[in-house]
């Protein structure tokens, strides 16, 4: 039974206190133009440990950030996501639905208050740093933990494809290896995690 846990993703909330590196963007999708064929991809990644003491890394954590624009235009990957933390005050915006214009509200005037045209971007994160959502995070447990300390590098390739047996699932495979830091040439064995 314990073997099965490594073959399936776990959907759960991960505390930001348990993260051992900065996030890395694997893939950027513009949902207006994405097709099912785009879900078959591979992406190289490099993660550097930010933990100040020696630790064991037991999983990779996946999540998504999403952006909505009033124009439907793509948002460049350099635009930061708005991370809402527990207890932050948030305001709902009124956007047109079904071609019906929203009720007209008095435009606030004054320095920095007037909207520039109508090119707003709204975003949120499902990541560990943000307020928990019902999407939670995807946790991929490692069969063998990675021994890491500050500046340990984990590099590899993330492979993703649509499942042949379930149209609502993705099959992922991660090939990775680690080395103690950027100055080290000695690289650990390549590990394949399915």
C-alpha atoms as a PDB file:
ATOM      1  CA  UNK A   1       0.000   0.000   0.000  1.00  0.00           C
ATOM      2  CA  UNK A   2       2.821   2.451   0.818  1.00  0.00           C
ATOM      3  CA  UNK A   3       4.229   2.025  -2.695  1.00  0.00           C
ATOM      4  CA  UNK A   4       1.051   3.527  -4.232  1.00  0.00           C
ATOM      5  CA  UNK A   5       1.578   6.879  -2.513  1.00  0.00           C
ATOM      6  CA  UNK A   6       4.542   7.574  -4.815  1.00  0.00           C
ATOM      7  CA  UNK A   7       2.540   6.929  -7.988  1.00  0.00           C
ATOM      8  CA  UNK A   8      -0.281   9.361  -7.221  1.00  0.00           C
ATOM      9  CA  UNK A   9      -0.323  13.075  -6.536  1.00  0.00           C
ATOM     10  CA  UNK A  10      -1.556  14.247  -3.147  1.00  0.00           C
ATOM     11  CA  UNK A  11      -3.826  17.302  -3.114  1.00  0.00           C
ATOM     12  CA  UNK A  12      -3.342  19.167   0.149  1.00  0.00           C
ATOM     13  CA  UNK A  13      -2.481  22.532   1.677  1.00  0.00           C
ATOM     14  CA  UNK A  14       1.266  23.046   2.164  1.00  0.00           C
ATOM     15  CA  UNK A  15       2.536  25.588   4.677  1.00  0.00           C
ATOM     16  CA  UNK A  16       5.058  28.084   3.260  1.00  0.00           C
ATOM     17  CA  UNK A  17       7.251  27.177   6.254  1.00  0.00           C
ATOM     18  CA  UNK A  18       7.966  23.817   4.591  1.00  0.00           C
ATOM     19  CA  UNK A  19       9.256  25.235   1.284  1.00  0.00           C
ATOM     20  CA  UNK A  20      12.970  24.787   0.632  1.00  0.00           C
ATOM     21  CA  UNK A  21      13.411  26.992  -2.475  1.00  0.00           C
ATOM     22  CA  UNK A  22      11.938  29.868  -4.432  1.00  0.00           C
ATOM     23  CA  UNK A  23       9.220  28.885  -6.931  1.00  0.00           C
ATOM     24  CA  UNK A  24      10.047  28.102 -10.550  1.00  0.00           C
ATOM     25  CA  UNK A  25       7.683  28.693 -13.494  1.00  0.00           C
ATOM     26  CA  UNK A  26       7.299  25.416 -15.396  1.00  0.00           C
ATOM     27  CA  UNK A  27       4.794  26.518 -18.035  1.00  0.00           C
ATOM     28  CA  UNK A  28       2.779  29.624 -18.910  1.00  0.00           C
ATOM     29  CA  UNK A  29      -0.605  29.037 -20.589  1.00  0.00           C
ATOM     30  CA  UNK A  30      -2.846  31.684 -22.166  1.00  0.00           C
ATOM     31  CA  UNK A  31      -6.214  30.024 -21.674  1.00  0.00           C
ATOM     32  CA  UNK A  32      -7.878  31.864 -24.586  1.00  0.00           C
ATOM     33  CA  UNK A  33      -5.605  30.050 -27.025  1.00  0.00           C
ATOM     34  CA  UNK A  34      -4.600  26.866 -25.167  1.00  0.00           C
ATOM     35  CA  UNK A  35      -5.637  23.567 -26.724  1.00  0.00           C
ATOM     36  CA  UNK A  36      -5.519  20.056 -25.232  1.00  0.00           C
ATOM     37  CA  UNK A  37      -2.414  19.431 -27.337  1.00  0.00           C
ATOM     38  CA  UNK A  38      -0.603  22.147 -25.340  1.00  0.00           C
ATOM     39  CA  UNK A  39      -0.915  19.990 -22.206  1.00  0.00           C
ATOM     40  CA  UNK A  40       1.788  17.662 -23.569  1.00  0.00           C
ATOM     41  CA  UNK A  41       5.035  19.481 -22.762  1.00  0.00           C
ATOM     42  CA  UNK A  42       8.393  19.238 -21.061  1.00  0.00           C
ATOM     43  CA  UNK A  43      10.133  21.966 -19.112  1.00  0.00           C
ATOM     44  CA  UNK A  44      13.648  22.146 -17.673  1.00  0.00           C
ATOM     45  CA  UNK A  45      13.927  23.535 -14.152  1.00  0.00           C
ATOM     46  CA  UNK A  46      16.576  24.553 -11.619  1.00  0.00           C
ATOM     47  CA  UNK A  47      15.786  24.983  -7.951  1.00  0.00           C
ATOM     48  CA  UNK A  48      18.239  26.322  -5.356  1.00  0.00           C
ATOM     49  CA  UNK A  49      17.738  25.475  -1.703  1.00  0.00           C
ATOM     50  CA  UNK A  50      17.126  28.465   0.536  1.00  0.00           C
ATOM     51  CA  UNK A  51      17.019  26.518   3.785  1.00  0.00           C
ATOM     52  CA  UNK A  52      19.783  27.707   6.151  1.00  0.00           C
ATOM     53  CA  UNK A  53      20.387  24.306   7.703  1.00  0.00           C
ATOM     54  CA  UNK A  54      20.745  20.758   6.470  1.00  0.00           C
ATOM     55  CA  UNK A  55      17.396  19.164   5.689  1.00  0.00           C
ATOM     56  CA  UNK A  56      15.672  16.430   3.722  1.00  0.00           C
ATOM     57  CA  UNK A  57      13.367  17.381   0.869  1.00  0.00           C
ATOM     58  CA  UNK A  58      10.537  14.874   0.628  1.00  0.00           C
ATOM     59  CA  UNK A  59       8.398  16.245  -2.223  1.00  0.00           C
ATOM     60  CA  UNK A  60       7.944  18.617  -5.120  1.00  0.00           C
ATOM     61  CA  UNK A  61       5.004  21.016  -4.742  1.00  0.00           C
ATOM     62  CA  UNK A  62       3.024  22.226  -7.768  1.00  0.00           C
ATOM     63  CA  UNK A  63       0.444  25.012  -7.946  1.00  0.00           C
ATOM     64  CA  UNK A  64      -0.802  27.637 -10.362  1.00  0.00           C
ATOM     65  CA  UNK A  65      -1.201  31.384 -10.482  1.00  0.00           C
ATOM     66  CA  UNK A  66      -3.962  32.793 -12.651  1.00  0.00           C
ATOM     67  CA  UNK A  67      -4.539  36.175 -14.235  1.00  0.00           C
ATOM     68  CA  UNK A  68      -7.707  37.761 -15.623  1.00  0.00           C
ATOM     69  CA  UNK A  69      -7.735  40.875 -17.793  1.00  0.00           C
ATOM     70  CA  UNK A  70     -10.597  43.075 -18.893  1.00  0.00           C
ATOM     71  CA  UNK A  71      -9.286  42.896 -22.462  1.00  0.00           C
ATOM     72  CA  UNK A  72      -8.529  39.162 -22.682  1.00  0.00           C
ATOM     73  CA  UNK A  73      -4.919  39.942 -23.611  1.00  0.00           C
ATOM     74  CA  UNK A  74      -2.114  37.669 -22.474  1.00  0.00           C
ATOM     75  CA  UNK A  75      -0.244  38.778 -19.358  1.00  0.00           C
ATOM     76  CA  UNK A  76       3.575  38.663 -19.593  1.00  0.00           C
ATOM     77  CA  UNK A  77       5.219  36.169 -17.175  1.00  0.00           C
ATOM     78  CA  UNK A  78       7.083  39.092 -15.577  1.00  0.00           C
ATOM     79  CA  UNK A  79       3.831  40.480 -14.096  1.00  0.00           C
ATOM     80  CA  UNK A  80       3.715  39.512 -10.407  1.00  0.00           C
ATOM     81  CA  UNK A  81       0.699  37.673  -9.032  1.00  0.00           C
ATOM     82  CA  UNK A  82      -1.322  39.281  -6.241  1.00  0.00           C
ATOM     83  CA  UNK A  83      -0.827  37.051  -3.225  1.00  0.00           C
ATOM     84  CA  UNK A  84      -3.689  37.395  -0.757  1.00  0.00           C
ATOM     85  CA  UNK A  85      -2.817  36.226   2.723  1.00  0.00           C
ATOM     86  CA  UNK A  86      -5.211  35.133   5.447  1.00  0.00           C
ATOM     87  CA  UNK A  87      -6.834  38.230   6.960  1.00  0.00           C
ATOM     88  CA  UNK A  88      -6.091  40.569   4.003  1.00  0.00           C
ATOM     89  CA  UNK A  89      -8.967  42.828   3.038  1.00  0.00           C
ATOM     90  CA  UNK A  90     -10.124  42.138  -0.515  1.00  0.00           C
ATOM     91  CA  UNK A  91     -12.646  43.991  -2.652  1.00  0.00           C
ATOM     92  CA  UNK A  92     -14.822  42.437  -5.324  1.00  0.00           C
ATOM     93  CA  UNK A  93     -14.753  44.081  -8.731  1.00  0.00           C
ATOM     94  CA  UNK A  94     -17.793  44.331 -10.977  1.00  0.00           C
ATOM     95  CA  UNK A  95     -17.029  43.004 -14.460  1.00  0.00           C
ATOM     96  CA  UNK A  96     -19.446  42.733 -17.402  1.00  0.00           C
ATOM     97  CA  UNK A  97     -21.045  39.301 -17.755  1.00  0.00           C
ATOM     98  CA  UNK A  98     -22.728  38.001 -20.905  1.00  0.00           C
ATOM     99  CA  UNK A  99     -22.327  41.289 -22.769  1.00  0.00           C
ATOM    100  CA  UNK A 100     -24.434  43.182 -20.215  1.00  0.00           C
ATOM    101  CA  UNK A 101     -22.618  46.282 -18.965  1.00  0.00           C
ATOM    102  CA  UNK A 102     -22.133  46.548 -15.206  1.00  0.00           C
ATOM    103  CA  UNK A 103     -24.075  49.161 -13.277  1.00  0.00           C
ATOM    104  CA  UNK A 104     -22.426  52.558 -13.634  1.00  0.00           C
ATOM    105  CA  UNK A 105     -20.595  53.721 -10.564  1.00  0.00           C
ATOM    106  CA  UNK A 106     -19.210  57.145  -9.878  1.00  0.00           C
ATOM    107  CA  UNK A 107     -15.543  57.200 -10.891  1.00  0.00           C
ATOM    108  CA  UNK A 108     -13.233  58.082  -8.048  1.00  0.00           C
ATOM    109  CA  UNK A 109     -11.041  61.018  -8.913  1.00  0.00           C
ATOM    110  CA  UNK A 110      -7.799  62.190  -7.497  1.00  0.00           C
ATOM    111  CA  UNK A 111      -4.145  61.281  -7.809  1.00  0.00           C
ATOM    112  CA  UNK A 112      -3.731  57.559  -8.437  1.00  0.00           C
ATOM    113  CA  UNK A 113      -7.448  56.730  -8.144  1.00  0.00           C
ATOM    114  CA  UNK A 114      -8.726  56.974 -11.723  1.00  0.00           C
ATOM    115  CA  UNK A 115      -8.473  53.764 -13.772  1.00  0.00           C
ATOM    116  CA  UNK A 116      -6.282  54.010 -16.888  1.00  0.00           C
ATOM    117  CA  UNK A 117      -8.575  53.038 -19.731  1.00  0.00           C
ATOM    118  CA  UNK A 118     -10.000  49.613 -18.894  1.00  0.00           C
ATOM    119  CA  UNK A 119      -6.906  47.419 -18.844  1.00  0.00           C
ATOM    120  CA  UNK A 120      -7.102  46.009 -15.352  1.00  0.00           C
ATOM    121  CA  UNK A 121      -5.433  42.770 -14.352  1.00  0.00           C
ATOM    122  CA  UNK A 122      -6.795  40.669 -11.508  1.00  0.00           C
ATOM    123  CA  UNK A 123      -4.794  37.697 -10.279  1.00  0.00           C
ATOM    124  CA  UNK A 124      -4.545  35.180  -7.499  1.00  0.00           C
ATOM    125  CA  UNK A 125      -2.245  32.367  -6.459  1.00  0.00           C
ATOM    126  CA  UNK A 126      -3.078  28.845  -5.344  1.00  0.00           C
ATOM    127  CA  UNK A 127       0.450  28.562  -3.931  1.00  0.00           C
ATOM    128  CA  UNK A 128       1.539  27.987  -0.336  1.00  0.00           C
ATOM    129  CA  UNK A 129       2.290  31.708   0.194  1.00  0.00           C
ATOM    130  CA  UNK A 130      -1.297  32.745  -0.544  1.00  0.00           C
ATOM    131  CA  UNK A 131      -4.597  32.294   1.206  1.00  0.00           C
ATOM    132  CA  UNK A 132      -5.661  28.640   0.846  1.00  0.00           C
ATOM    133  CA  UNK A 133      -8.097  27.896  -1.982  1.00  0.00           C
ATOM    134  CA  UNK A 134     -10.145  24.801  -2.772  1.00  0.00           C
ATOM    135  CA  UNK A 135      -7.507  23.920  -5.405  1.00  0.00           C
ATOM    136  CA  UNK A 136      -4.888  23.510  -2.662  1.00  0.00           C
ATOM    137  CA  UNK A 137      -1.457  22.336  -3.943  1.00  0.00           C
ATOM    138  CA  UNK A 138      -0.305  19.200  -5.733  1.00  0.00           C
ATOM    139  CA  UNK A 139       2.313  17.280  -3.766  1.00  0.00           C
ATOM    140  CA  UNK A 140       4.527  14.733  -5.538  1.00  0.00           C
ATOM    141  CA  UNK A 141       6.278  12.638  -2.900  1.00  0.00           C
ATOM    142  CA  UNK A 142       9.842  11.505  -3.596  1.00  0.00           C
ATOM    143  CA  UNK A 143      10.792   7.858  -3.162  1.00  0.00           C
ATOM    144  CA  UNK A 144      14.181   8.939  -1.771  1.00  0.00           C
ATOM    145  CA  UNK A 145      14.508  12.322  -0.028  1.00  0.00           C
ATOM    146  CA  UNK A 146      16.997  14.857  -1.352  1.00  0.00           C
ATOM    147  CA  UNK A 147      19.643  15.843   1.231  1.00  0.00           C
ATOM    148  CA  UNK A 148      19.964  19.606   0.981  1.00  0.00           C
ATOM    149  CA  UNK A 149      21.533  22.579   2.658  1.00  0.00           C
ATOM    150  CA  UNK A 150      21.704  26.227   1.635  1.00  0.00           C
ATOM    151  CA  UNK A 151      22.541  26.613  -2.103  1.00  0.00           C
ATOM    152  CA  UNK A 152      22.006  22.926  -2.949  1.00  0.00           C
ATOM    153  CA  UNK A 153      20.838  22.803  -6.571  1.00  0.00           C
ATOM    154  CA  UNK A 154      18.177  20.441  -7.872  1.00  0.00           C
ATOM    155  CA  UNK A 155      17.921  20.513 -11.670  1.00  0.00           C
ATOM    156  CA  UNK A 156      15.947  18.412 -14.079  1.00  0.00           C
ATOM    157  CA  UNK A 157      13.116  18.133 -16.551  1.00  0.00           C
ATOM    158  CA  UNK A 158       9.397  18.029 -15.847  1.00  0.00           C
ATOM    159  CA  UNK A 159       7.376  16.017 -18.392  1.00  0.00           C
ATOM    160  CA  UNK A 160       3.606  16.362 -18.629  1.00  0.00           C
ATOM    161  CA  UNK A 161       1.054  14.711 -20.922  1.00  0.00           C
ATOM    162  CA  UNK A 162      -2.662  14.132 -20.985  1.00  0.00           C
ATOM    163  CA  UNK A 163      -3.640  10.782 -19.529  1.00  0.00           C
ATOM    164  CA  UNK A 164      -4.528   8.111 -22.073  1.00  0.00           C
ATOM    165  CA  UNK A 165      -7.139   6.628 -19.739  1.00  0.00           C
ATOM    166  CA  UNK A 166      -8.745   9.663 -18.042  1.00  0.00           C
ATOM    167  CA  UNK A 167      -9.354  12.952 -19.875  1.00  0.00           C
ATOM    168  CA  UNK A 168      -9.394  14.841 -16.560  1.00  0.00           C
ATOM    169  CA  UNK A 169      -5.915  13.711 -15.507  1.00  0.00           C
ATOM    170  CA  UNK A 170      -2.362  14.575 -16.442  1.00  0.00           C
ATOM    171  CA  UNK A 171       0.523  12.103 -16.277  1.00  0.00           C
ATOM    172  CA  UNK A 172       3.767  13.647 -15.050  1.00  0.00           C
ATOM    173  CA  UNK A 173       7.319  12.406 -14.816  1.00  0.00           C
ATOM    174  CA  UNK A 174      10.221  14.266 -13.236  1.00  0.00           C
ATOM    175  CA  UNK A 175      13.873  13.541 -14.032  1.00  0.00           C
ATOM    176  CA  UNK A 176      16.218  15.339 -11.648  1.00  0.00           C
ATOM    177  CA  UNK A 177      19.609  15.300  -9.978  1.00  0.00           C
ATOM    178  CA  UNK A 178      21.176  17.387  -7.234  1.00  0.00           C
ATOM    179  CA  UNK A 179      24.546  18.913  -6.447  1.00  0.00           C
ATOM    180  CA  UNK A 180      25.768  20.701  -3.352  1.00  0.00           C
ATOM    181  CA  UNK A 181      26.134  24.189  -4.904  1.00  0.00           C
ATOM    182  CA  UNK A 182      26.850  26.084  -8.134  1.00  0.00           C
ATOM    183  CA  UNK A 183      30.618  25.650  -7.696  1.00  0.00           C
ATOM    184  CA  UNK A 184      30.415  21.873  -7.374  1.00  0.00           C
ATOM    185  CA  UNK A 185      30.907  19.788 -10.485  1.00  0.00           C
ATOM    186  CA  UNK A 186      29.988  16.517  -8.801  1.00  0.00           C
ATOM    187  CA  UNK A 187      26.372  15.728  -9.646  1.00  0.00           C
ATOM    188  CA  UNK A 188      24.240  13.068  -7.991  1.00  0.00           C
ATOM    189  CA  UNK A 189      22.556  10.249  -9.888  1.00  0.00           C
ATOM    190  CA  UNK A 190      19.626  11.150 -12.123  1.00  0.00           C
ATOM    191  CA  UNK A 191      16.388  10.116 -10.483  1.00  0.00           C
ATOM    192  CA  UNK A 192      13.175   9.433 -12.374  1.00  0.00           C
ATOM    193  CA  UNK A 193      10.016  10.088 -10.371  1.00  0.00           C
ATOM    194  CA  UNK A 194       6.704   8.984 -11.886  1.00  0.00           C
END
